[in-house]
Amino acid sequence: MSSEALTLAVYFVQWTLGAPEHTPNIDLVLGKWGDGVEAQERVLVSLLYRPAPSGGSFMVIDGEGRHSNRQAICGRGLGRAEVIGTPLAGEVFALVDAIWLTDPRISEVKELDNAA
C-alpha cells in the first residue's frame, strides 16, 4: 500500500508567537491524495482553538476565505453547517485530537491554556 493511500489529510496551524490574544486556527484539507488526484477532490475544514485554564476547545468555523482555501490544494472550504452534526465531524475531531497529542511543533499553542 502506498503512502498516498494512507494520507487522510494535511493540516496547517496558524498562530502569532507571543500573542495569546490571537486565536490559533487549524485548517484541515481532507480528501484523496496522490498521482492523478485533483484539488477539487479535497475540501477544507477550519477550526479555531479557544484556550481556557482548564483546557481549551476547538470550534469548527466557516472554511471559505481561509488562507489554506486555495485552488491549488483543495476545491473549496466547507461551511460550519456542512460539518457539525455529520459523520465528517467525528473524523475532523479525531484528526485534530491526534495532531494535538502528537505534534511537538504546536507546544506554544498548548501553553496558551496556562495564559488564559
Protein backbone atom coordinates (compact mmCIF):
# COMPACT_ATOMS: atom_id res chain seq x y z
CA MET A 1 0.00 0.00 0.00
CA SER A 2 1.43 3.39 -0.95
CA SER A 3 1.77 6.28 1.50
CA GLU A 4 -0.65 8.22 -0.73
CA ALA A 5 -3.34 5.66 0.02
CA LEU A 6 -2.72 6.21 3.75
CA THR A 7 -2.88 10.01 3.64
CA LEU A 8 -6.10 11.28 5.22
CA ALA A 9 -5.38 14.98 5.37
CA VAL A 10 -2.81 17.72 5.51
CA TYR A 11 -3.03 20.44 8.10
CA PHE A 12 -1.88 23.94 8.81
CA VAL A 13 -1.76 25.52 12.26
CA GLN A 14 -1.60 29.30 12.35
CA TRP A 15 -0.91 31.42 15.42
CA THR A 16 1.05 34.52 16.35
CA LEU A 17 4.11 33.90 18.50
CA GLY A 18 3.84 35.59 21.89
CA ALA A 19 0.33 36.90 21.20
CA PRO A 20 -2.20 34.77 23.11
CA GLU A 21 -4.98 37.19 22.15
CA HIS A 22 -4.77 35.90 18.56
CA THR A 23 -6.86 32.74 18.49
CA PRO A 24 -4.99 29.89 16.77
CA ASN A 25 -6.51 28.35 13.62
CA ILE A 26 -6.24 24.79 12.39
CA ASP A 27 -7.03 24.12 8.76
CA LEU A 28 -7.52 20.50 7.65
CA VAL A 29 -7.53 19.61 3.97
CA LEU A 30 -9.34 16.29 3.60
CA GLY A 31 -9.87 14.01 0.64
CA LYS A 32 -7.96 11.93 -1.85
CA TRP A 33 -4.21 12.40 -2.35
CA GLY A 34 -1.73 11.07 -4.88
CA ASP A 35 -0.93 11.00 -8.55
CA GLY A 36 -3.84 11.94 -10.77
CA VAL A 37 -5.93 13.36 -7.93
CA GLU A 38 -7.26 16.87 -8.45
CA ALA A 39 -7.62 19.60 -5.83
CA GLN A 40 -11.40 19.56 -6.39
CA GLU A 41 -11.46 16.12 -4.74
CA ARG A 42 -10.44 17.68 -1.42
CA VAL A 43 -12.17 20.08 0.97
CA LEU A 44 -11.01 22.42 3.70
CA VAL A 45 -12.37 22.28 7.25
CA SER A 46 -11.27 25.12 9.54
CA LEU A 47 -11.28 25.25 13.32
CA LEU A 48 -10.46 27.83 15.98
CA TYR A 49 -8.73 26.86 19.20
CA ARG A 50 -10.11 28.65 22.23
CA PRO A 51 -7.70 28.48 25.19
CA ALA A 52 -9.04 28.10 28.73
CA PRO A 53 -7.34 27.48 32.09
CA SER A 54 -8.99 24.06 32.45
CA GLY A 55 -8.08 23.09 28.87
CA GLY A 56 -9.12 24.70 25.63
CA SER A 57 -11.57 23.61 22.98
CA PHE A 58 -11.88 23.52 19.22
CA MET A 59 -14.73 25.09 17.29
CA VAL A 60 -15.47 24.47 13.60
CA ILE A 61 -15.72 27.73 11.64
CA ASP A 62 -16.52 28.50 8.01
CA GLY A 63 -13.58 27.49 5.83
CA GLU A 64 -14.42 29.76 2.93
CA GLY A 65 -11.84 32.53 2.69
CA ARG A 66 -9.23 30.90 4.93
CA HIS A 67 -5.63 31.14 3.69
CA SER A 68 -5.47 27.41 3.02
CA ASN A 69 -8.55 27.60 0.81
CA ARG A 70 -6.52 27.82 -2.38
CA GLN A 71 -7.48 26.19 -5.63
CA ALA A 72 -4.06 24.52 -5.78
CA ILE A 73 -4.73 22.38 -2.69
CA CYS A 74 -8.50 21.96 -2.35
CA GLY A 75 -11.71 22.53 -4.22
CA ARG A 76 -13.44 24.60 -1.54
CA GLY A 77 -13.77 25.41 2.12
CA LEU A 78 -16.72 23.86 3.92
CA GLY A 79 -19.10 25.92 5.98
CA ARG A 80 -19.56 25.14 9.66
CA ALA A 81 -23.09 23.81 9.00
CA GLU A 82 -21.67 21.32 6.47
CA VAL A 83 -19.51 19.73 9.18
CA ILE A 84 -21.30 19.92 12.53
CA GLY A 85 -23.79 17.09 13.08
CA THR A 86 -22.40 14.99 10.22
CA PRO A 87 -20.15 11.90 10.19
CA LEU A 88 -17.37 14.20 8.94
CA ALA A 89 -17.37 15.99 12.31
CA GLY A 90 -16.21 12.83 14.09
CA GLU A 91 -13.39 12.38 11.60
CA VAL A 92 -12.35 16.03 11.90
CA PHE A 93 -12.23 15.99 15.70
CA ALA A 94 -10.35 12.66 15.74
CA LEU A 95 -7.72 14.15 13.40
CA VAL A 96 -7.43 17.33 15.47
CA ASP A 97 -7.04 15.26 18.65
CA ALA A 98 -4.25 13.25 17.00
CA ILE A 99 -2.47 16.44 15.91
CA TRP A 100 -2.89 17.97 19.36
CA LEU A 101 -1.48 14.93 21.13
CA THR A 102 1.43 14.13 18.82
CA ASP A 103 2.80 17.26 17.11
CA PRO A 104 5.53 18.90 19.24
CA ARG A 105 5.66 21.91 16.88
CA ILE A 106 2.47 23.32 18.40
CA SER A 107 3.64 23.29 22.01
CA GLU A 108 3.28 27.08 22.22
CA VAL A 109 -0.38 26.80 21.25
CA LYS A 110 -0.92 24.28 24.04
CA GLU A 111 0.72 26.67 26.52
CA LEU A 112 -1.96 29.27 25.77
CA ASP A 113 -4.21 27.40 28.22
CA ASN A 114 -1.84 28.42 31.01
CA ALA A 115 -2.01 32.09 29.92
CA ALA A 116 -5.83 32.14 29.64
